[in-house]
PDB file of N, CA and C in Angstrom:
ATOM      1  N   MET A   1      38.105   5.426  20.778  1.00  0.00           N
ATOM      2  CA  MET A   1      38.672   6.767  20.860  1.00  0.00           C
ATOM      3  C   MET A   1      40.121   6.675  21.301  1.00  0.00           C
ATOM      4  N   ALA A   2      40.949   7.553  20.752  1.00  0.00           N
ATOM      5  CA  ALA A   2      42.374   7.563  21.085  1.00  0.00           C
ATOM      6  C   ALA A   2      42.573   8.037  22.523  1.00  0.00           C
ATOM      7  N   ASN A   3      43.435   7.339  23.247  1.00  0.00           N
ATOM      8  CA  ASN A   3      43.639   7.662  24.659  1.00  0.00           C
ATOM      9  C   ASN A   3      44.905   8.446  24.937  1.00  0.00           C
ATOM     10  N   SER A   4      45.962   8.185  24.163  1.00  0.00           N
ATOM     11  CA  SER A   4      47.209   8.899  24.419  1.00  0.00           C
ATOM     12  C   SER A   4      47.276  10.172  23.573  1.00  0.00           C
ATOM     13  N   LYS A   5      48.162  11.065  23.957  1.00  0.00           N
ATOM     14  CA  LYS A   5      48.329  12.323  23.235  1.00  0.00           C
ATOM     15  C   LYS A   5      48.762  12.033  21.796  1.00  0.00           C
ATOM     16  N   GLN A   6      49.680  11.080  21.646  1.00  0.00           N
ATOM     17  CA  GLN A   6      50.181  10.714  20.316  1.00  0.00           C
ATOM     18  C   GLN A   6      49.055  10.157  19.447  1.00  0.00           C
ATOM     19  N   ALA A   7      48.223   9.297  20.035  1.00  0.00           N
ATOM     20  CA  ALA A   7      47.133   8.684  19.271  1.00  0.00           C
ATOM     21  C   ALA A   7      46.098   9.729  18.852  1.00  0.00           C
ATOM     22  N   ARG A   8      45.858  10.716  19.735  1.00  0.00           N
ATOM     23  CA  ARG A   8      44.918  11.786  19.370  1.00  0.00           C
ATOM     24  C   ARG A   8      45.457  12.604  18.199  1.00  0.00           C
ATOM     25  N   LYS A   9      46.748  12.874  18.231  1.00  0.00           N
ATOM     26  CA  LYS A   9      47.366  13.632  17.131  1.00  0.00           C
ATOM     27  C   LYS A   9      47.282  12.835  15.826  1.00  0.00           C
ATOM     28  N   ARG A  10      47.574  11.542  15.887  1.00  0.00           N
ATOM     29  CA  ARG A  10      47.526  10.709  14.684  1.00  0.00           C
ATOM     30  C   ARG A  10      46.088  10.665  14.128  1.00  0.00           C
ATOM     31  N   ALA A  11      45.108  10.640  15.002  1.00  0.00           N
ATOM     32  CA  ALA A  11      43.707  10.640  14.563  1.00  0.00           C
ATOM     33  C   ALA A  11      43.364  11.949  13.858  1.00  0.00           C
ATOM     34  N   ARG A  12      43.868  13.068  14.407  1.00  0.00           N
ATOM     35  CA  ARG A  12      43.644  14.370  13.759  1.00  0.00           C
ATOM     36  C   ARG A  12      44.300  14.401  12.387  1.00  0.00           C
ATOM     37  N   GLN A  13      45.536  13.927  12.301  1.00  0.00           N
ATOM     38  CA  GLN A  13      46.251  13.927  11.033  1.00  0.00           C
ATOM     39  C   GLN A  13      45.544  13.041   9.999  1.00  0.00           C
ATOM     40  N   ALA A  14      45.095  11.879  10.445  1.00  0.00           N
ATOM     41  CA  ALA A  14      44.434  10.946   9.541  1.00  0.00           C
ATOM     42  C   ALA A  14      43.140  11.555   8.987  1.00  0.00           C
ATOM     43  N   GLU A  15      42.402  12.254   9.836  1.00  0.00           N
ATOM     44  CA  GLU A  15      41.155  12.881   9.394  1.00  0.00           C
ATOM     45  C   GLU A  15      41.433  13.968   8.357  1.00  0.00           C
ATOM     46  N   GLY A  16      42.449  14.785   8.613  1.00  0.00           N
ATOM     47  CA  GLY A  16      42.808  15.830   7.653  1.00  0.00           C
ATOM     48  C   GLY A  16      43.227  15.246   6.320  1.00  0.00           C
ATOM     49  N   ARG A  17      44.003  14.165   6.372  1.00  0.00           N
ATOM     50  CA  ARG A  17      44.461  13.498   5.158  1.00  0.00           C
ATOM     51  C   ARG A  17      43.276  12.893   4.402  1.00  0.00           C
ATOM     52  N   ARG A  18      42.328  12.309   5.134  1.00  0.00           N
ATOM     53  CA  ARG A  18      41.153  11.692   4.519  1.00  0.00           C
ATOM     54  C   ARG A  18      40.329  12.728   3.756  1.00  0.00           C
ATOM     55  N   VAL A  19      40.130  13.883   4.367  1.00  0.00           N
ATOM     56  CA  VAL A  19      39.352  14.950   3.733  1.00  0.00           C
ATOM     57  C   VAL A  19      40.047  15.447   2.468  1.00  0.00           C
ATOM     58  N   LEU A  20      41.356  15.653   2.533  1.00  0.00           N
ATOM     59  CA  LEU A  20      42.117  16.140   1.387  1.00  0.00           C
ATOM     60  C   LEU A  20      42.079  15.136   0.240  1.00  0.00           C
ATOM     61  N   LYS A  21      42.323  13.861   0.569  1.00  0.00           N
ATOM     62  CA  LYS A  21      42.344  12.840  -0.479  1.00  0.00           C
ATOM     63  C   LYS A  21      40.969  12.647  -1.106  1.00  0.00           C
ATOM     64  N   ALA A  22      39.916  12.772  -0.314  1.00  0.00           N
ATOM     65  CA  ALA A  22      38.557  12.644  -0.859  1.00  0.00           C
ATOM     66  C   ALA A  22      38.304  13.744  -1.884  1.00  0.00           C
ATOM     67  N   SER A  23      38.750  14.950  -1.581  1.00  0.00           N
ATOM     68  CA  SER A  23      38.590  16.072  -2.491  1.00  0.00           C
ATOM     69  C   SER A  23      39.366  15.834  -3.789  1.00  0.00           C
ATOM     70  N   GLN A  24      40.582  15.320  -3.662  1.00  0.00           N
ATOM     71  CA  GLN A  24      41.410  15.072  -4.843  1.00  0.00           C
ATOM     72  C   GLN A  24      40.831  13.958  -5.712  1.00  0.00           C
ATOM     73  N   ARG A  25      40.294  12.909  -5.074  1.00  0.00           N
ATOM     74  CA  ARG A  25      39.657  11.823  -5.828  1.00  0.00           C
ATOM     75  C   ARG A  25      38.438  12.350  -6.587  1.00  0.00           C
ATOM     76  N   ALA A  26      37.675  13.220  -5.955  1.00  0.00           N
ATOM     77  CA  ALA A  26      36.497  13.802  -6.597  1.00  0.00           C
ATOM     78  C   ALA A  26      36.905  14.629  -7.817  1.00  0.00           C
ATOM     79  N   MET A  27      38.018  15.343  -7.711  1.00  0.00           N
ATOM     80  CA  MET A  27      38.493  16.150  -8.829  1.00  0.00           C
ATOM     81  C   MET A  27      38.860  15.253 -10.012  1.00  0.00           C
ATOM     82  N   VAL A  28      39.533  14.128  -9.735  1.00  0.00           N
ATOM     83  CA  VAL A  28      39.895  13.201 -10.804  1.00  0.00           C
ATOM     84  C   VAL A  28      38.641  12.653 -11.466  1.00  0.00           C
ATOM     85  N   ARG A  29      37.657  12.286 -10.660  1.00  0.00           N
ATOM     86  CA  ARG A  29      36.408  11.748 -11.208  1.00  0.00           C
ATOM     87  C   ARG A  29      35.721  12.762 -12.114  1.00  0.00           C
ATOM     88  N   THR A  30      35.778  14.033 -11.739  1.00  0.00           N
ATOM     89  CA  THR A  30      35.164  15.080 -12.546  1.00  0.00           C
ATOM     90  C   THR A  30      35.837  15.166 -13.914  1.00  0.00           C
ATOM     91  N   TYR A  31      37.168  15.143 -13.936  1.00  0.00           N
ATOM     92  CA  TYR A  31      37.891  15.201 -15.207  1.00  0.00           C
ATOM     93  C   TYR A  31      37.580  13.979 -16.067  1.00  0.00           C
ATOM     94  N   VAL A  32      37.514  12.804 -15.442  1.00  0.00           N
ATOM     95  CA  VAL A  32      37.213  11.574 -16.179  1.00  0.00           C
ATOM     96  C   VAL A  32      35.799  11.638 -16.746  1.00  0.00           C
ATOM     97  N   LYS A  33      34.855  12.147 -15.973  1.00  0.00           N
ATOM     98  CA  LYS A  33      33.476  12.265 -16.449  1.00  0.00           C
ATOM     99  C   LYS A  33      33.388  13.194 -17.658  1.00  0.00           C
ATOM    100  N   ARG A  34      34.188  14.250 -17.658  1.00  0.00           N
ATOM    101  CA  ARG A  34      34.184  15.164 -18.803  1.00  0.00           C
ATOM    102  C   ARG A  34      34.652  14.455 -20.064  1.00  0.00           C
ATOM    103  N   VAL A  35      35.692  13.624 -19.914  1.00  0.00           N
ATOM    104  CA  VAL A  35      36.205  12.874 -21.068  1.00  0.00           C
ATOM    105  C   VAL A  35      35.139  11.903 -21.563  1.00  0.00           C
ATOM    106  N   ILE A  36      34.521  11.178 -20.645  1.00  0.00           N
ATOM    107  CA  ILE A  36      33.500  10.191 -21.015  1.00  0.00           C
ATOM    108  C   ILE A  36      32.303  10.866 -21.680  1.00  0.00           C
ATOM    109  N   LYS A  37      31.932  12.034 -21.174  1.00  0.00           N
ATOM    110  CA  LYS A  37      30.809  12.773 -21.770  1.00  0.00           C
ATOM    111  C   LYS A  37      31.140  13.157 -23.216  1.00  0.00           C
ATOM    112  N   ALA A  38      32.379  13.592 -23.443  1.00  0.00           N
ATOM    113  CA  ALA A  38      32.801  13.961 -24.797  1.00  0.00           C
ATOM    114  C   ALA A  38      32.823  12.730 -25.709  1.00  0.00           C
ATOM    115  N   ILE A  39      33.253  11.586 -25.168  1.00  0.00           N
ATOM    116  CA  ILE A  39      33.278  10.344 -25.957  1.00  0.00           C
ATOM    117  C   ILE A  39      31.849   9.944 -26.333  1.00  0.00           C
ATOM    118  N   ASN A  40      30.950   9.994 -25.353  1.00  0.00           N
ATOM    119  CA  ASN A  40      29.557   9.623 -25.609  1.00  0.00           C
ATOM    120  C   ASN A  40      28.885  10.590 -26.585  1.00  0.00           C
ATOM    121  N   GLY A  41      29.368  11.833 -26.596  1.00  0.00           N
ATOM    122  CA  GLY A  41      28.847  12.813 -27.548  1.00  0.00           C
ATOM    123  C   GLY A  41      29.308  12.546 -28.965  1.00  0.00           C
ATOM    124  N   GLY A  42      30.354  11.725 -29.123  1.00  0.00           N
ATOM    125  CA  GLY A  42      30.827  11.346 -30.452  1.00  0.00           C
ATOM    126  C   GLY A  42      31.783  12.328 -31.078  1.00  0.00           C
ATOM    127  N   ASP A  43      32.230  13.317 -30.334  1.00  0.00           N
ATOM    128  CA  ASP A  43      33.138  14.326 -30.883  1.00  0.00           C
ATOM    129  C   ASP A  43      34.578  13.983 -30.517  1.00  0.00           C
ATOM    130  N   HIS A  44      35.348  13.529 -31.504  1.00  0.00           N
ATOM    131  CA  HIS A  44      36.725  13.094 -31.257  1.00  0.00           C
ATOM    132  C   HIS A  44      37.611  14.245 -30.795  1.00  0.00           C
ATOM    133  N   ALA A  45      37.485  15.396 -31.413  1.00  0.00           N
ATOM    134  CA  ALA A  45      38.344  16.538 -31.068  1.00  0.00           C
ATOM    135  C   ALA A  45      38.114  16.994 -29.626  1.00  0.00           C
ATOM    136  N   THR A  46      36.855  17.087 -29.227  1.00  0.00           N
ATOM    137  CA  THR A  46      36.529  17.493 -27.854  1.00  0.00           C
ATOM    138  C   THR A  46      37.012  16.448 -26.861  1.00  0.00           C
ATOM    139  N   ALA A  47      36.803  15.171 -27.198  1.00  0.00           N
ATOM    140  CA  ALA A  47      37.238  14.090 -26.310  1.00  0.00           C
ATOM    141  C   ALA A  47      38.749  14.124 -26.124  1.00  0.00           C
ATOM    142  N   MET A  48      39.458  14.352 -27.215  1.00  0.00           N
ATOM    143  CA  MET A  48      40.926  14.409 -27.132  1.00  0.00           C
ATOM    144  C   MET A  48      41.372  15.611 -26.295  1.00  0.00           C
ATOM    145  N   ALA A  49      40.716  16.745 -26.472  1.00  0.00           N
ATOM    146  CA  ALA A  49      41.068  17.938 -25.694  1.00  0.00           C
ATOM    147  C   ALA A  49      40.821  17.713 -24.206  1.00  0.00           C
ATOM    148  N   GLU A  50      39.694  17.103 -23.868  1.00  0.00           N
ATOM    149  CA  GLU A  50      39.384  16.819 -22.465  1.00  0.00           C
ATOM    150  C   GLU A  50      40.365  15.802 -21.891  1.00  0.00           C
ATOM    151  N   PHE A  51      40.756  14.833 -22.704  1.00  0.00           N
ATOM    152  CA  PHE A  51      41.721  13.827 -22.254  1.00  0.00           C
ATOM    153  C   PHE A  51      43.075  14.476 -21.971  1.00  0.00           C
ATOM    154  N   GLN A  52      43.459  15.426 -22.824  1.00  0.00           N
ATOM    155  CA  GLN A  52      44.738  16.136 -22.622  1.00  0.00           C
ATOM    156  C   GLN A  52      44.721  16.922 -21.318  1.00  0.00           C
ATOM    157  N   LYS A  53      43.552  17.443 -20.938  1.00  0.00           N
ATOM    158  CA  LYS A  53      43.430  18.168 -19.665  1.00  0.00           C
ATOM    159  C   LYS A  53      43.445  17.194 -18.486  1.00  0.00           C
ATOM    160  N   ALA A  54      42.837  16.034 -18.666  1.00  0.00           N
ATOM    161  CA  ALA A  54      42.698  15.071 -17.566  1.00  0.00           C
ATOM    162  C   ALA A  54      44.004  14.350 -17.256  1.00  0.00           C
ATOM    163  N   GLN A  55      44.809  14.105 -18.269  1.00  0.00           N
ATOM    164  CA  GLN A  55      46.033  13.321 -18.090  1.00  0.00           C
ATOM    165  C   GLN A  55      46.964  13.852 -17.000  1.00  0.00           C
ATOM    166  N   PRO A  56      47.351  15.116 -17.020  1.00  0.00           N
ATOM    167  CA  PRO A  56      48.256  15.597 -15.974  1.00  0.00           C
ATOM    168  C   PRO A  56      47.638  15.583 -14.578  1.00  0.00           C
ATOM    169  N   VAL A  57      46.323  15.768 -14.509  1.00  0.00           N
ATOM    170  CA  VAL A  57      45.640  15.731 -13.210  1.00  0.00           C
ATOM    171  C   VAL A  57      45.714  14.315 -12.639  1.00  0.00           C
ATOM    172  N   ILE A  58      45.441  13.322 -13.481  1.00  0.00           N
ATOM    173  CA  ILE A  58      45.500  11.928 -13.041  1.00  0.00           C
ATOM    174  C   ILE A  58      46.914  11.580 -12.592  1.00  0.00           C
ATOM    175  N   ASP A  59      47.911  12.002 -13.361  1.00  0.00           N
ATOM    176  CA  ASP A  59      49.309  11.718 -12.995  1.00  0.00           C
ATOM    177  C   ASP A  59      49.694  12.381 -11.680  1.00  0.00           C
ATOM    178  N   ARG A  60      49.265  13.618 -11.507  1.00  0.00           N
ATOM    179  CA  ARG A  60      49.616  14.359 -10.287  1.00  0.00           C
ATOM    180  C   ARG A  60      49.001  13.689  -9.052  1.00  0.00           C
ATOM    181  N   ILE A  61      47.766  13.258  -9.164  1.00  0.00           N
ATOM    182  CA  ILE A  61      47.091  12.607  -8.042  1.00  0.00           C
ATOM    183  C   ILE A  61      47.722  11.242  -7.762  1.00  0.00           C
ATOM    184  N   ALA A  62      48.176  10.556  -8.806  1.00  0.00           N
ATOM    185  CA  ALA A  62      48.859   9.273  -8.613  1.00  0.00           C
ATOM    186  C   ALA A  62      50.196   9.481  -7.914  1.00  0.00           C
ATOM    187  N   ASP A  63      50.889  10.566  -8.234  1.00  0.00           N
ATOM    188  CA  ASP A  63      52.164  10.869  -7.570  1.00  0.00           C
ATOM    189  C   ASP A  63      51.973  11.125  -6.084  1.00  0.00           C
ATOM    190  N   LYS A  64      50.808  11.626  -5.723  1.00  0.00           N
ATOM    191  CA  LYS A  64      50.521  11.916  -4.311  1.00  0.00           C
ATOM    192  C   LYS A  64      49.953  10.698  -3.583  1.00  0.00           C
ATOM    193  N   ASP A  65      49.881   9.550  -4.272  1.00  0.00           N
ATOM    194  CA  ASP A  65      49.386   8.290  -3.697  1.00  0.00           C
ATOM    195  C   ASP A  65      47.917   8.346  -3.295  1.00  0.00           C
ATOM    196  N   VAL A  66      47.149   9.188  -3.945  1.00  0.00           N
ATOM    197  CA  VAL A  66      45.705   9.177  -3.721  1.00  0.00           C
ATOM    198  C   VAL A  66      45.129   8.035  -4.564  1.00  0.00           C
ATOM    199  N   LEU A  67      45.598   7.924  -5.804  1.00  0.00           N
ATOM    200  CA  LEU A  67      45.338   6.772  -6.669  1.00  0.00           C
ATOM    201  C   LEU A  67      46.655   6.029  -6.814  1.00  0.00           C
ATOM    202  N   SER A  68      46.598   4.718  -6.973  1.00  0.00           N
ATOM    203  CA  SER A  68      47.845   4.004  -7.223  1.00  0.00           C
ATOM    204  C   SER A  68      48.294   4.323  -8.653  1.00  0.00           C
ATOM    205  N   LYS A  69      49.586   4.219  -8.896  1.00  0.00           N
ATOM    206  CA  LYS A  69      50.122   4.521 -10.225  1.00  0.00           C
ATOM    207  C   LYS A  69      49.557   3.563 -11.266  1.00  0.00           C
ATOM    208  N   LYS A  70      49.356   2.309 -10.865  1.00  0.00           N
ATOM    209  CA  LYS A  70      48.812   1.324 -11.811  1.00  0.00           C
ATOM    210  C   LYS A  70      47.365   1.638 -12.166  1.00  0.00           C
ATOM    211  N   LYS A  71      46.580   2.057 -11.187  1.00  0.00           N
ATOM    212  CA  LYS A  71      45.187   2.409 -11.462  1.00  0.00           C
ATOM    213  C   LYS A  71      45.122   3.627 -12.372  1.00  0.00           C
ATOM    214  N   ALA A  72      46.007   4.594 -12.137  1.00  0.00           N
ATOM    215  CA  ALA A  72      46.042   5.792 -12.979  1.00  0.00           C
ATOM    216  C   ALA A  72      46.403   5.414 -14.416  1.00  0.00           C
ATOM    217  N   ALA A  73      47.393   4.532 -14.575  1.00  0.00           N
ATOM    218  CA  ALA A  73      47.809   4.108 -15.909  1.00  0.00           C
ATOM    219  C   ALA A  73      46.680   3.358 -16.611  1.00  0.00           C
ATOM    220  N   ARG A  74      45.982   2.511 -15.857  1.00  0.00           N
ATOM    221  CA  ARG A  74      44.880   1.736 -16.416  1.00  0.00           C
ATOM    222  C   ARG A  74      43.738   2.651 -16.855  1.00  0.00           C
ATOM    223  N   LEU A  75      43.454   3.649 -16.036  1.00  0.00           N
ATOM    224  CA  LEU A  75      42.400   4.614 -16.335  1.00  0.00           C
ATOM    225  C   LEU A  75      42.721   5.390 -17.613  1.00  0.00           C
ATOM    226  N   LYS A  76      43.953   5.883 -17.715  1.00  0.00           N
ATOM    227  CA  LYS A  76      44.358   6.641 -18.902  1.00  0.00           C
ATOM    228  C   LYS A  76      44.341   5.759 -20.145  1.00  0.00           C
ATOM    229  N   SER A  77      44.797   4.526 -19.994  1.00  0.00           N
ATOM    230  CA  SER A  77      44.838   3.602 -21.122  1.00  0.00           C
ATOM    231  C   SER A  77      43.435   3.311 -21.647  1.00  0.00           C
ATOM    232  N   ARG A  78      42.506   3.072 -20.746  1.00  0.00           N
ATOM    233  CA  ARG A  78      41.135   2.752 -21.161  1.00  0.00           C
ATOM    234  C   ARG A  78      40.448   3.949 -21.815  1.00  0.00           C
ATOM    235  N   LEU A  79      40.686   5.139 -21.260  1.00  0.00           N
ATOM    236  CA  LEU A  79      40.101   6.338 -21.867  1.00  0.00           C
ATOM    237  C   LEU A  79      40.676   6.555 -23.267  1.00  0.00           C
ATOM    238  N   ASN A  80      41.993   6.386 -23.394  1.00  0.00           N
ATOM    239  CA  ASN A  80      42.647   6.589 -24.674  1.00  0.00           C
ATOM    240  C   ASN A  80      42.153   5.568 -25.700  1.00  0.00           C
ATOM    241  N   ALA A  81      41.934   4.334 -25.263  1.00  0.00           N
ATOM    242  CA  ALA A  81      41.439   3.298 -26.189  1.00  0.00           C
ATOM    243  C   ALA A  81      40.035   3.665 -26.689  1.00  0.00           C
ATOM    244  N   ARG A  82      39.204   4.200 -25.807  1.00  0.00           N
ATOM    245  CA  ARG A  82      37.849   4.598 -26.221  1.00  0.00           C
ATOM    246  C   ARG A  82      37.897   5.767 -27.203  1.00  0.00           C
ATOM    247  N   ILE A  83      38.842   6.686 -26.993  1.00  0.00           N
ATOM    248  CA  ILE A  83      38.974   7.829 -27.900  1.00  0.00           C
ATOM    249  C   ILE A  83      39.455   7.352 -29.270  1.00  0.00           C
ATOM    250  N   LYS A  84      40.419   6.424 -29.273  1.00  0.00           N
ATOM    251  CA  LYS A  84      40.916   5.882 -30.543  1.00  0.00           C
ATOM    252  C   LYS A  84      39.812   5.146 -31.295  1.00  0.00           C
ATOM    253  N   ALA A  85      38.985   4.407 -30.563  1.00  0.00           N
ATOM    254  CA  ALA A  85      37.878   3.696 -31.196  1.00  0.00           C
ATOM    255  C   ALA A  85      36.875   4.662 -31.803  1.00  0.00           C
ATOM    256  N   LEU A  86      36.748   5.813 -31.189  1.00  0.00           N
ATOM    257  CA  LEU A  86      35.834   6.846 -31.674  1.00  0.00           C
ATOM    258  C   LEU A  86      36.319   7.398 -33.030  1.00  0.00           C
ATOM    259  N   ALA A  87      37.631   7.505 -33.166  1.00  0.00           N
ATOM    260  CA  ALA A  87      38.204   8.053 -34.402  1.00  0.00           C
ATOM    261  C   ALA A  87      38.069   7.074 -35.565  1.00  0.00           C
ATOM    262  N   ALA A  88      38.083   5.789 -35.243  1.00  0.00           N
ATOM    263  CA  ALA A  88      38.046   4.767 -36.322  1.00  0.00           C
ATOM    264  C   ALA A  88      36.669   4.580 -36.924  1.00  0.00           C
TER     265      ALA A  88
END
């Protein structure tokens, strides 16, 4: 347990940040699941539409350092590759 006033404040801040970031990560996962569901359904148009919705969300969360920029890029790249494979 934090003993100094400063340490108690930092613990409060860290907890608030943890809760916020957990919520944002969950939101990204939801968007990704929608894209994957559309891909598994075999509908290219729906998958592309869901991917277009997910892309800015992933970028925004990466800008806030909830996801690393490289992980966000890798995630988008892999989803896009699966959508392209669906079209072929």
